[in-house]
PDB file of N, CA and C in Angstrom:
ATOM      1  N   UNK A   1    -237.260  34.933  88.202  1.00  0.00           N
ATOM      2  CA  UNK A   1    -236.079  35.584  88.128  1.00  0.00           C
ATOM      3  C   UNK A   1    -235.174  34.802  88.719  1.00  0.00           C
ATOM      4  N   UNK A   2    -234.046  34.597  88.014  1.00  0.00           N
ATOM      5  CA  UNK A   2    -232.792  33.806  88.625  1.00  0.00           C
ATOM      6  C   UNK A   2    -231.862  34.915  89.483  1.00  0.00           C
ATOM      7  N   UNK A   3    -231.335  34.283  90.555  1.00  0.00           N
ATOM      8  CA  UNK A   3    -230.496  34.867  91.584  1.00  0.00           C
ATOM      9  C   UNK A   3    -229.259  35.125  90.815  1.00  0.00           C
ATOM     10  N   UNK A   4    -228.462  36.348  91.013  1.00  0.00           N
ATOM     11  CA  UNK A   4    -227.239  36.691  90.449  1.00  0.00           C
ATOM     12  C   UNK A   4    -226.182  35.708  90.940  1.00  0.00           C
ATOM     13  N   UNK A   5    -225.081  35.759  90.262  1.00  0.00           N
ATOM     14  CA  UNK A   5    -224.075  34.997  90.778  1.00  0.00           C
ATOM     15  C   UNK A   5    -223.564  35.630  92.089  1.00  0.00           C
ATOM     16  N   UNK A   6    -223.725  36.882  92.105  1.00  0.00           N
ATOM     17  CA  UNK A   6    -223.111  37.485  93.367  1.00  0.00           C
ATOM     18  C   UNK A   6    -224.152  37.312  94.568  1.00  0.00           C
ATOM     19  N   UNK A   7    -225.211  37.127  94.481  1.00  0.00           N
ATOM     20  CA  UNK A   7    -226.343  36.757  95.375  1.00  0.00           C
ATOM     21  C   UNK A   7    -226.153  35.277  96.006  1.00  0.00           C
ATOM     22  N   UNK A   8    -225.563  34.341  94.782  1.00  0.00           N
ATOM     23  CA  UNK A   8    -225.410  33.039  95.197  1.00  0.00           C
ATOM     24  C   UNK A   8    -224.152  33.024  96.091  1.00  0.00           C
ATOM     25  N   UNK A   9    -223.112  33.853  95.634  1.00  0.00           N
ATOM     26  CA  UNK A   9    -221.853  33.705  96.584  1.00  0.00           C
ATOM     27  C   UNK A   9    -222.171  34.207  97.944  1.00  0.00           C
ATOM     28  N   UNK A  10    -222.822  35.220  98.040  1.00  0.00           N
ATOM     29  CA  UNK A  10    -222.988  35.877  99.318  1.00  0.00           C
ATOM     30  C   UNK A  10    -223.724  34.540 100.217  1.00  0.00           C
ATOM     31  N   UNK A  11    -224.721  33.909  99.723  1.00  0.00           N
ATOM     32  CA  UNK A  11    -225.395  32.873 100.351  1.00  0.00           C
ATOM     33  C   UNK A  11    -224.547  31.907 100.591  1.00  0.00           C
ATOM     34  N   UNK A  12    -223.700  31.450  99.988  1.00  0.00           N
ATOM     35  CA  UNK A  12    -222.699  30.502 100.243  1.00  0.00           C
ATOM     36  C   UNK A  12    -221.754  30.847 101.473  1.00  0.00           C
ATOM     37  N   UNK A  13    -221.118  32.070 101.467  1.00  0.00           N
ATOM     38  CA  UNK A  13    -220.605  32.549 102.454  1.00  0.00           C
ATOM     39  C   UNK A  13    -221.116  32.647 103.778  1.00  0.00           C
ATOM     40  N   UNK A  14    -222.505  33.198 103.807  1.00  0.00           N
ATOM     41  CA  UNK A  14    -223.299  33.183 105.023  1.00  0.00           C
ATOM     42  C   UNK A  14    -223.321  31.878 105.722  1.00  0.00           C
ATOM     43  N   UNK A  15    -223.662  30.706 104.563  1.00  0.00           N
ATOM     44  CA  UNK A  15    -224.042  29.305 105.067  1.00  0.00           C
ATOM     45  C   UNK A  15    -222.577  28.932 105.877  1.00  0.00           C
ATOM     46  N   UNK A  16    -221.307  29.157 105.174  1.00  0.00           N
ATOM     47  CA  UNK A  16    -220.229  28.772 105.919  1.00  0.00           C
ATOM     48  C   UNK A  16    -220.228  29.400 107.295  1.00  0.00           C
ATOM     49  N   UNK A  17    -220.382  30.686 107.286  1.00  0.00           N
ATOM     50  CA  UNK A  17    -220.183  31.381 108.684  1.00  0.00           C
ATOM     51  C   UNK A  17    -221.064  30.865 109.658  1.00  0.00           C
ATOM     52  N   UNK A  18    -222.220  30.640 109.243  1.00  0.00           N
ATOM     53  CA  UNK A  18    -223.193  29.991 110.027  1.00  0.00           C
ATOM     54  C   UNK A  18    -222.768  28.552 110.522  1.00  0.00           C
ATOM     55  N   UNK A  19    -222.213  27.570 109.723  1.00  0.00           N
ATOM     56  CA  UNK A  19    -222.003  26.446 110.055  1.00  0.00           C
ATOM     57  C   UNK A  19    -220.673  26.457 110.946  1.00  0.00           C
ATOM     58  N   UNK A  20    -219.843  27.544 110.793  1.00  0.00           N
ATOM     59  CA  UNK A  20    -218.653  27.720 111.491  1.00  0.00           C
ATOM     60  C   UNK A  20    -219.021  28.149 113.132  1.00  0.00           C
ATOM     61  N   UNK A  21    -219.830  29.067 113.292  1.00  0.00           N
ATOM     62  CA  UNK A  21    -220.430  29.248 114.414  1.00  0.00           C
ATOM     63  C   UNK A  21    -221.171  28.001 114.985  1.00  0.00           C
ATOM     64  N   UNK A  22    -222.027  27.198 114.446  1.00  0.00           N
ATOM     65  CA  UNK A  22    -222.589  26.192 114.933  1.00  0.00           C
ATOM     66  C   UNK A  22    -221.628  25.030 115.499  1.00  0.00           C
ATOM     67  N   UNK A  23    -220.593  25.044 114.593  1.00  0.00           N
ATOM     68  CA  UNK A  23    -219.590  23.905 115.156  1.00  0.00           C
ATOM     69  C   UNK A  23    -218.844  24.436 116.209  1.00  0.00           C
ATOM     70  N   UNK A  24    -218.677  25.782 116.639  1.00  0.00           N
ATOM     71  CA  UNK A  24    -217.905  26.087 117.746  1.00  0.00           C
ATOM     72  C   UNK A  24    -218.941  25.728 118.939  1.00  0.00           C
ATOM     73  N   UNK A  25    -220.192  25.955 118.688  1.00  0.00           N
ATOM     74  CA  UNK A  25    -220.922  25.777 120.067  1.00  0.00           C
ATOM     75  C   UNK A  25    -221.143  24.326 120.215  1.00  0.00           C
ATOM     76  N   UNK A  26    -221.068  23.655 119.282  1.00  0.00           N
ATOM     77  CA  UNK A  26    -221.151  22.026 119.355  1.00  0.00           C
ATOM     78  C   UNK A  26    -219.865  21.539 120.086  1.00  0.00           C
ATOM     79  N   UNK A  27    -218.710  22.068 119.703  1.00  0.00           N
ATOM     80  CA  UNK A  27    -217.731  21.831 120.423  1.00  0.00           C
ATOM     81  C   UNK A  27    -217.515  22.165 121.872  1.00  0.00           C
ATOM     82  N   UNK A  28    -218.108  23.119 122.343  1.00  0.00           N
ATOM     83  CA  UNK A  28    -218.276  23.669 123.841  1.00  0.00           C
ATOM     84  C   UNK A  28    -219.153  22.509 124.539  1.00  0.00           C
ATOM     85  N   UNK A  29    -219.992  21.991 123.783  1.00  0.00           N
ATOM     86  CA  UNK A  29    -220.970  20.919 124.267  1.00  0.00           C
ATOM     87  C   UNK A  29    -220.482  19.618 124.071  1.00  0.00           C
ATOM     88  N   UNK A  30    -219.381  19.585 123.928  1.00  0.00           N
ATOM     89  CA  UNK A  30    -218.926  18.105 123.661  1.00  0.00           C
ATOM     90  C   UNK A  30    -218.892  17.107 124.873  1.00  0.00           C
ATOM     91  N   UNK A  31    -219.556  16.129 125.054  1.00  0.00           N
ATOM     92  CA  UNK A  31    -219.776  15.362 126.147  1.00  0.00           C
ATOM     93  C   UNK A  31    -218.426  14.927 126.571  1.00  0.00           C
ATOM     94  N   UNK A  32    -217.359  14.744 125.760  1.00  0.00           N
ATOM     95  CA  UNK A  32    -216.137  14.238 126.182  1.00  0.00           C
ATOM     96  C   UNK A  32    -215.460  15.169 127.166  1.00  0.00           C
ATOM     97  N   UNK A  33    -215.723  16.588 127.248  1.00  0.00           N
ATOM     98  CA  UNK A  33    -215.267  17.437 128.256  1.00  0.00           C
ATOM     99  C   UNK A  33    -216.150  17.680 129.386  1.00  0.00           C
ATOM    100  N   UNK A  34    -215.486  18.056 130.370  1.00  0.00           N
ATOM    101  CA  UNK A  34    -216.155  18.152 131.781  1.00  0.00           C
ATOM    102  C   UNK A  34    -217.514  18.838 131.601  1.00  0.00           C
ATOM    103  N   UNK A  35    -217.221  20.303 131.084  1.00  0.00           N
ATOM    104  CA  UNK A  35    -218.387  21.000 130.791  1.00  0.00           C
ATOM    105  C   UNK A  35    -219.568  20.736 129.883  1.00  0.00           C
ATOM    106  N   UNK A  36    -219.020  19.675 129.004  1.00  0.00           N
ATOM    107  CA  UNK A  36    -220.090  19.165 127.864  1.00  0.00           C
ATOM    108  C   UNK A  36    -220.803  17.952 128.523  1.00  0.00           C
ATOM    109  N   UNK A  37    -220.212  17.376 129.602  1.00  0.00           N
ATOM    110  CA  UNK A  37    -220.971  16.286 130.073  1.00  0.00           C
ATOM    111  C   UNK A  37    -222.175  16.466 130.537  1.00  0.00           C
ATOM    112  N   UNK A  38    -223.231  15.729 129.861  1.00  0.00           N
ATOM    113  CA  UNK A  38    -224.616  15.849 130.407  1.00  0.00           C
ATOM    114  C   UNK A  38    -224.919  15.614 132.069  1.00  0.00           C
ATOM    115  N   UNK A  39    -223.955  14.622 132.510  1.00  0.00           N
ATOM    116  CA  UNK A  39    -223.966  14.478 134.076  1.00  0.00           C
ATOM    117  C   UNK A  39    -223.470  15.725 134.722  1.00  0.00           C
ATOM    118  N   UNK A  40    -222.294  16.159 134.173  1.00  0.00           N
ATOM    119  CA  UNK A  40    -222.077  17.474 134.812  1.00  0.00           C
ATOM    120  C   UNK A  40    -222.791  18.752 134.786  1.00  0.00           C
ATOM    121  N   UNK A  41    -223.439  18.853 133.661  1.00  0.00           N
ATOM    122  CA  UNK A  41    -224.260  20.000 133.327  1.00  0.00           C
ATOM    123  C   UNK A  41    -225.587  19.909 134.283  1.00  0.00           C
ATOM    124  N   UNK A  42    -225.976  18.588 134.517  1.00  0.00           N
ATOM    125  CA  UNK A  42    -227.324  18.255 135.174  1.00  0.00           C
ATOM    126  C   UNK A  42    -227.109  18.339 136.838  1.00  0.00           C
ATOM    127  N   UNK A  43    -225.856  18.003 137.203  1.00  0.00           N
ATOM    128  CA  UNK A  43    -225.662  17.848 138.536  1.00  0.00           C
ATOM    129  C   UNK A  43    -224.696  18.617 139.138  1.00  0.00           C
ATOM    130  N   UNK A  44    -223.946  19.002 138.553  1.00  0.00           N
ATOM    131  CA  UNK A  44    -222.574  19.951 139.085  1.00  0.00           C
ATOM    132  C   UNK A  44    -222.725  21.335 138.689  1.00  0.00           C
ATOM    133  N   UNK A  45    -223.025  21.718 137.592  1.00  0.00           N
ATOM    134  CA  UNK A  45    -223.088  23.034 136.991  1.00  0.00           C
ATOM    135  C   UNK A  45    -223.619  24.270 138.047  1.00  0.00           C
ATOM    136  N   UNK A  46    -224.519  23.882 138.547  1.00  0.00           N
ATOM    137  CA  UNK A  46    -225.487  24.871 139.368  1.00  0.00           C
ATOM    138  C   UNK A  46    -224.544  25.257 140.598  1.00  0.00           C
ATOM    139  N   UNK A  47    -223.546  24.620 141.045  1.00  0.00           N
ATOM    140  CA  UNK A  47    -222.769  24.719 142.128  1.00  0.00           C
ATOM    141  C   UNK A  47    -220.966  25.177 141.704  1.00  0.00           C
ATOM    142  N   UNK A  48    -220.756  24.608 140.835  1.00  0.00           N
ATOM    143  CA  UNK A  48    -219.338  24.460 140.309  1.00  0.00           C
ATOM    144  C   UNK A  48    -219.299  25.365 138.994  1.00  0.00           C
ATOM    145  N   UNK A  49    -220.275  25.750 138.685  1.00  0.00           N
ATOM    146  CA  UNK A  49    -220.519  26.635 137.471  1.00  0.00           C
ATOM    147  C   UNK A  49    -220.410  26.152 136.117  1.00  0.00           C
ATOM    148  N   UNK A  50    -220.988  26.942 135.082  1.00  0.00           N
ATOM    149  CA  UNK A  50    -221.040  26.201 133.771  1.00  0.00           C
ATOM    150  C   UNK A  50    -219.556  25.785 133.227  1.00  0.00           C
ATOM    151  N   UNK A  51    -218.516  26.653 133.551  1.00  0.00           N
ATOM    152  CA  UNK A  51    -217.308  26.614 133.075  1.00  0.00           C
ATOM    153  C   UNK A  51    -216.423  25.881 134.136  1.00  0.00           C
ATOM    154  N   UNK A  52    -217.041  25.401 135.103  1.00  0.00           N
ATOM    155  CA  UNK A  52    -216.294  24.630 136.216  1.00  0.00           C
ATOM    156  C   UNK A  52    -215.097  25.567 136.900  1.00  0.00           C
ATOM    157  N   UNK A  53    -215.423  26.893 136.765  1.00  0.00           N
ATOM    158  CA  UNK A  53    -214.523  27.811 137.598  1.00  0.00           C
ATOM    159  C   UNK A  53    -214.815  28.017 138.909  1.00  0.00           C
ATOM    160  N   UNK A  54    -215.790  27.428 139.433  1.00  0.00           N
ATOM    161  CA  UNK A  54    -216.312  27.679 140.851  1.00  0.00           C
ATOM    162  C   UNK A  54    -217.388  28.838 140.696  1.00  0.00           C
ATOM    163  N   UNK A  55    -218.138  28.924 141.774  1.00  0.00           N
ATOM    164  CA  UNK A  55    -218.923  30.032 142.006  1.00  0.00           C
ATOM    165  C   UNK A  55    -218.914  30.605 143.296  1.00  0.00           C
ATOM    166  N   UNK A  56    -219.020  31.781 143.360  1.00  0.00           N
ATOM    167  CA  UNK A  56    -218.980  32.573 144.936  1.00  0.00           C
ATOM    168  C   UNK A  56    -220.022  31.883 145.527  1.00  0.00           C
ATOM    169  N   UNK A  57    -219.978  31.429 146.953  1.00  0.00           N
ATOM    170  CA  UNK A  57    -220.859  30.960 147.786  1.00  0.00           C
ATOM    171  C   UNK A  57    -221.196  29.589 147.189  1.00  0.00           C
ATOM    172  N   UNK A  58    -220.431  29.003 146.332  1.00  0.00           N
ATOM    173  CA  UNK A  58    -221.190  27.883 145.678  1.00  0.00           C
ATOM    174  C   UNK A  58    -219.874  26.879 145.925  1.00  0.00           C
ATOM    175  N   UNK A  59    -220.011  25.800 144.860  1.00  0.00           N
ATOM    176  CA  UNK A  59    -218.687  24.838 144.895  1.00  0.00           C
ATOM    177  C   UNK A  59    -217.416  25.581 144.325  1.00  0.00           C
ATOM    178  N   UNK A  60    -216.256  24.971 144.843  1.00  0.00           N
ATOM    179  CA  UNK A  60    -214.908  25.294 144.283  1.00  0.00           C
ATOM    180  C   UNK A  60    -214.527  25.279 142.983  1.00  0.00           C
ATOM    181  N   UNK A  61    -213.697  25.728 142.458  1.00  0.00           N
ATOM    182  CA  UNK A  61    -213.236  25.412 140.984  1.00  0.00           C
ATOM    183  C   UNK A  61    -212.635  24.139 140.782  1.00  0.00           C
ATOM    184  N   UNK A  62    -213.106  23.470 139.867  1.00  0.00           N
ATOM    185  CA  UNK A  62    -212.756  22.084 139.388  1.00  0.00           C
ATOM    186  C   UNK A  62    -211.497  22.254 138.258  1.00  0.00           C
ATOM    187  N   UNK A  63    -210.932  23.434 137.941  1.00  0.00           N
ATOM    188  CA  UNK A  63    -210.139  23.617 137.068  1.00  0.00           C
ATOM    189  C   UNK A  63    -208.748  24.087 137.882  1.00  0.00           C
ATOM    190  N   UNK A  64    -208.812  24.097 139.074  1.00  0.00           N
ATOM    191  CA  UNK A  64    -207.674  24.831 139.757  1.00  0.00           C
ATOM    192  C   UNK A  64    -206.527  23.996 140.220  1.00  0.00           C
ATOM    193  N   UNK A  65    -205.368  24.392 140.783  1.00  0.00           N
ATOM    194  CA  UNK A  65    -204.455  23.610 141.099  1.00  0.00           C
ATOM    195  C   UNK A  65    -204.666  22.719 142.234  1.00  0.00           C
ATOM    196  N   UNK A  66    -205.660  23.145 143.170  1.00  0.00           N
ATOM    197  CA  UNK A  66    -206.041  22.046 144.068  1.00  0.00           C
ATOM    198  C   UNK A  66    -206.756  20.984 143.459  1.00  0.00           C
ATOM    199  N   UNK A  67    -207.719  21.229 142.695  1.00  0.00           N
ATOM    200  CA  UNK A  67    -208.348  19.859 141.920  1.00  0.00           C
ATOM    201  C   UNK A  67    -207.132  19.174 141.327  1.00  0.00           C
ATOM    202  N   UNK A  68    -206.453  19.803 140.645  1.00  0.00           N
ATOM    203  CA  UNK A  68    -205.250  18.919 140.102  1.00  0.00           C
ATOM    204  C   UNK A  68    -204.490  18.246 140.976  1.00  0.00           C
ATOM    205  N   UNK A  69    -204.269  18.694 142.105  1.00  0.00           N
ATOM    206  CA  UNK A  69    -203.501  17.828 143.339  1.00  0.00           C
ATOM    207  C   UNK A  69    -204.189  16.983 143.942  1.00  0.00           C
ATOM    208  N   UNK A  70    -205.601  16.907 143.716  1.00  0.00           N
ATOM    209  CA  UNK A  70    -206.085  15.822 144.564  1.00  0.00           C
ATOM    210  C   UNK A  70    -206.255  14.613 143.849  1.00  0.00           C
ATOM    211  N   UNK A  71    -206.014  13.443 144.153  1.00  0.00           N
ATOM    212  CA  UNK A  71    -206.027  12.067 143.752  1.00  0.00           C
ATOM    213  C   UNK A  71    -207.188  11.724 143.063  1.00  0.00           C
ATOM    214  N   UNK A  72    -207.359  10.903 142.199  1.00  0.00           N
ATOM    215  CA  UNK A  72    -208.603  10.297 141.590  1.00  0.00           C
ATOM    216  C   UNK A  72    -209.567   9.728 142.630  1.00  0.00           C
ATOM    217  N   UNK A  73    -208.751   9.067 143.580  1.00  0.00           N
ATOM    218  CA  UNK A  73    -209.474   8.305 144.757  1.00  0.00           C
ATOM    219  C   UNK A  73    -210.223   9.303 145.522  1.00  0.00           C
ATOM    220  N   UNK A  74    -209.642  10.399 145.773  1.00  0.00           N
ATOM    221  CA  UNK A  74    -209.994  11.568 146.670  1.00  0.00           C
ATOM    222  C   UNK A  74    -211.391  12.156 145.960  1.00  0.00           C
ATOM    223  N   UNK A  75    -211.154  12.477 144.602  1.00  0.00           N
ATOM    224  CA  UNK A  75    -212.297  13.066 143.988  1.00  0.00           C
ATOM    225  C   UNK A  75    -213.559  12.029 143.864  1.00  0.00           C
ATOM    226  N   UNK A  76    -213.165  10.787 143.847  1.00  0.00           N
ATOM    227  CA  UNK A  76    -214.249   9.716 143.602  1.00  0.00           C
ATOM    228  C   UNK A  76    -214.918   9.884 144.919  1.00  0.00           C
ATOM    229  N   UNK A  77    -214.274   9.796 146.171  1.00  0.00           N
ATOM    230  CA  UNK A  77    -214.622   9.802 147.352  1.00  0.00           C
ATOM    231  C   UNK A  77    -215.662  10.979 147.668  1.00  0.00           C
ATOM    232  N   UNK A  78    -215.013  12.227 147.293  1.00  0.00           N
ATOM    233  CA  UNK A  78    -215.967  13.449 147.488  1.00  0.00           C
ATOM    234  C   UNK A  78    -217.218  13.403 146.720  1.00  0.00           C
ATOM    235  N   UNK A  79    -217.197  12.821 145.393  1.00  0.00           N
ATOM    236  CA  UNK A  79    -218.345  12.845 144.501  1.00  0.00           C
ATOM    237  C   UNK A  79    -219.230  11.912 145.114  1.00  0.00           C
ATOM    238  N   UNK A  80    -218.813  10.799 145.704  1.00  0.00           N
ATOM    239  CA  UNK A  80    -219.643   9.521 146.185  1.00  0.00           C
ATOM    240  C   UNK A  80    -220.032   9.829 147.531  1.00  0.00           C
ATOM    241  N   UNK A  81    -219.448  10.442 148.419  1.00  0.00           N
ATOM    242  CA  UNK A  81    -219.963  10.502 149.609  1.00  0.00           C
ATOM    243  C   UNK A  81    -220.058  12.036 150.082  1.00  0.00           C
ATOM    244  N   UNK A  82    -220.078  12.836 149.351  1.00  0.00           N
ATOM    245  CA  UNK A  82    -220.058  14.266 149.624  1.00  0.00           C
ATOM    246  C   UNK A  82    -218.962  14.839 150.534  1.00  0.00           C
ATOM    247  N   UNK A  83    -219.167  16.255 150.766  1.00  0.00           N
ATOM    248  CA  UNK A  83    -217.977  16.592 151.828  1.00  0.00           C
ATOM    249  C   UNK A  83    -218.442  18.110 151.886  1.00  0.00           C
ATOM    250  N   UNK A  84    -218.642  18.627 153.345  1.00  0.00           N
ATOM    251  CA  UNK A  84    -219.081  19.737 153.549  1.00  0.00           C
ATOM    252  C   UNK A  84    -220.461  20.000 152.924  1.00  0.00           C
ATOM    253  N   UNK A  85    -220.686  21.245 152.281  1.00  0.00           N
ATOM    254  CA  UNK A  85    -221.907  21.489 151.863  1.00  0.00           C
ATOM    255  C   UNK A  85    -222.451  20.647 150.449  1.00  0.00           C
ATOM    256  N   UNK A  86    -221.294  19.714 150.139  1.00  0.00           N
ATOM    257  CA  UNK A  86    -221.488  18.931 148.713  1.00  0.00           C
ATOM    258  C   UNK A  86    -222.352  17.771 149.077  1.00  0.00           C
ATOM    259  N   UNK A  87    -223.498  17.624 148.174  1.00  0.00           N
ATOM    260  CA  UNK A  87    -224.029  16.292 148.604  1.00  0.00           C
ATOM    261  C   UNK A  87    -223.426  15.115 148.073  1.00  0.00           C
ATOM    262  N   UNK A  88    -223.757  13.899 148.725  1.00  0.00           N
ATOM    263  CA  UNK A  88    -223.357  12.670 148.068  1.00  0.00           C
ATOM    264  C   UNK A  88    -223.986  12.294 147.055  1.00  0.00           C
ATOM    265  N   UNK A  89    -223.391  11.617 145.924  1.00  0.00           N
ATOM    266  CA  UNK A  89    -224.151  11.237 144.823  1.00  0.00           C
ATOM    267  C   UNK A  89    -224.154   9.926 144.636  1.00  0.00           C
ATOM    268  N   UNK A  90    -223.779   9.119 145.775  1.00  0.00           N
ATOM    269  CA  UNK A  90    -223.846   7.514 145.790  1.00  0.00           C
ATOM    270  C   UNK A  90    -225.405   7.335 145.537  1.00  0.00           C
ATOM    271  N   UNK A  91    -225.812   6.228 144.757  1.00  0.00           N
ATOM    272  CA  UNK A  91    -227.196   6.156 144.588  1.00  0.00           C
ATOM    273  C   UNK A  91    -227.859   7.116 143.541  1.00  0.00           C
ATOM    274  N   UNK A  92    -227.286   8.230 143.319  1.00  0.00           N
ATOM    275  CA  UNK A  92    -227.793   8.875 142.302  1.00  0.00           C
ATOM    276  C   UNK A  92    -227.355   9.124 141.132  1.00  0.00           C
ATOM    277  N   UNK A  93    -225.871   8.661 140.970  1.00  0.00           N
ATOM    278  CA  UNK A  93    -225.054   8.665 139.818  1.00  0.00           C
ATOM    279  C   UNK A  93    -224.453   7.104 139.687  1.00  0.00           C
ATOM    280  N   UNK A  94    -224.372   6.681 138.683  1.00  0.00           N
ATOM    281  CA  UNK A  94    -223.730   5.347 138.508  1.00  0.00           C
ATOM    282  C   UNK A  94    -222.365   5.472 138.525  1.00  0.00           C
ATOM    283  N   UNK A  95    -221.525   4.581 138.905  1.00  0.00           N
ATOM    284  CA  UNK A  95    -220.311   4.412 139.295  1.00  0.00           C
ATOM    285  C   UNK A  95    -219.507   4.816 137.789  1.00  0.00           C
ATOM    286  N   UNK A  96    -219.971   4.410 136.785  1.00  0.00           N
ATOM    287  CA  UNK A  96    -219.349   4.797 135.617  1.00  0.00           C
ATOM    288  C   UNK A  96    -219.352   6.355 135.303  1.00  0.00           C
ATOM    289  N   UNK A  97    -220.491   6.860 135.734  1.00  0.00           N
ATOM    290  CA  UNK A  97    -220.486   8.398 135.583  1.00  0.00           C
ATOM    291  C   UNK A  97    -219.661   9.035 136.487  1.00  0.00           C
ATOM    292  N   UNK A  98    -219.666   8.614 137.488  1.00  0.00           N
ATOM    293  CA  UNK A  98    -218.607   9.265 138.726  1.00  0.00           C
ATOM    294  C   UNK A  98    -217.290   8.963 138.119  1.00  0.00           C
ATOM    295  N   UNK A  99    -216.845   7.967 137.553  1.00  0.00           N
ATOM    296  CA  UNK A  99    -215.574   7.609 137.038  1.00  0.00           C
ATOM    297  C   UNK A  99    -215.086   8.633 135.834  1.00  0.00           C
ATOM    298  N   UNK A 100    -216.157   8.786 135.131  1.00  0.00           N
ATOM    299  CA  UNK A 100    -215.870   9.575 133.828  1.00  0.00           C
ATOM    300  C   UNK A 100    -215.766  11.168 134.399  1.00  0.00           C
ATOM    301  N   UNK A 101    -216.591  11.750 135.420  1.00  0.00           N
ATOM    302  CA  UNK A 101    -216.345  12.965 136.005  1.00  0.00           C
ATOM    303  C   UNK A 101    -214.961  13.008 136.565  1.00  0.00           C
ATOM    304  N   UNK A 102    -214.685  12.064 137.395  1.00  0.00           N
ATOM    305  CA  UNK A 102    -213.225  12.155 138.024  1.00  0.00           C
ATOM    306  C   UNK A 102    -212.129  12.450 136.820  1.00  0.00           C
ATOM    307  N   UNK A 103    -212.270  11.490 135.621  1.00  0.00           N
ATOM    308  CA  UNK A 103    -211.462  11.605 134.681  1.00  0.00           C
ATOM    309  C   UNK A 103    -211.336  12.913 134.121  1.00  0.00           C
ATOM    310  N   UNK A 104    -212.470  13.285 133.778  1.00  0.00           N
ATOM    311  CA  UNK A 104    -212.708  14.696 133.078  1.00  0.00           C
ATOM    312  C   UNK A 104    -212.267  15.865 134.058  1.00  0.00           C
ATOM    313  N   UNK A 105    -212.367  15.775 135.360  1.00  0.00           N
ATOM    314  CA  UNK A 105    -211.881  16.726 136.088  1.00  0.00           C
ATOM    315  C   UNK A 105    -210.205  16.797 136.274  1.00  0.00           C
ATOM    316  N   UNK A 106    -209.707  15.706 136.275  1.00  0.00           N
ATOM    317  CA  UNK A 106    -208.245  15.669 136.115  1.00  0.00           C
ATOM    318  C   UNK A 106    -207.623  16.007 134.841  1.00  0.00           C
ATOM    319  N   UNK A 107    -208.515  15.518 133.542  1.00  0.00           N
ATOM    320  CA  UNK A 107    -207.872  16.166 132.504  1.00  0.00           C
ATOM    321  C   UNK A 107    -207.939  17.593 132.241  1.00  0.00           C
ATOM    322  N   UNK A 108    -209.282  18.177 132.922  1.00  0.00           N
ATOM    323  CA  UNK A 108    -209.314  19.619 132.563  1.00  0.00           C
ATOM    324  C   UNK A 108    -208.332  20.439 133.619  1.00  0.00           C
ATOM    325  N   UNK A 109    -208.410  19.859 134.774  1.00  0.00           N
ATOM    326  CA  UNK A 109    -207.290  20.662 135.940  1.00  0.00           C
ATOM    327  C   UNK A 109    -206.019  20.594 135.638  1.00  0.00           C
ATOM    328  N   UNK A 110    -205.419  19.689 134.547  1.00  0.00           N
ATOM    329  CA  UNK A 110    -204.062  19.566 134.129  1.00  0.00           C
ATOM    330  C   UNK A 110    -203.551  20.504 133.004  1.00  0.00           C
ATOM    331  N   UNK A 111    -204.720  21.023 132.378  1.00  0.00           N
ATOM    332  CA  UNK A 111    -204.389  21.723 131.222  1.00  0.00           C
ATOM    333  C   UNK A 111    -203.641  23.003 131.815  1.00  0.00           C
TER     334      UNK A 111
END
């Protein structure tokens, strides 16, 4: 038995909706964004939160005005050498990964 034209159209619409939802999920996991960066997700998200908005009793927001006001050198130094309860990531992360995190924090906090 052949599917009806109405059934085929419904199938096409459903496929389009599913791909739209999948596309939205892929954009949120975009590695060019701070929260999509695998280095951020593995090393930073548990303290600063999945959305980088900070966590109560955890790390501060990385999208705040305070983060925007920090210089790239200050952010690089904090990530590299640690500060307060934040551990140092020198020797754990490559310099290029730290530089990318700094650029992404600056770009995210300036929005």
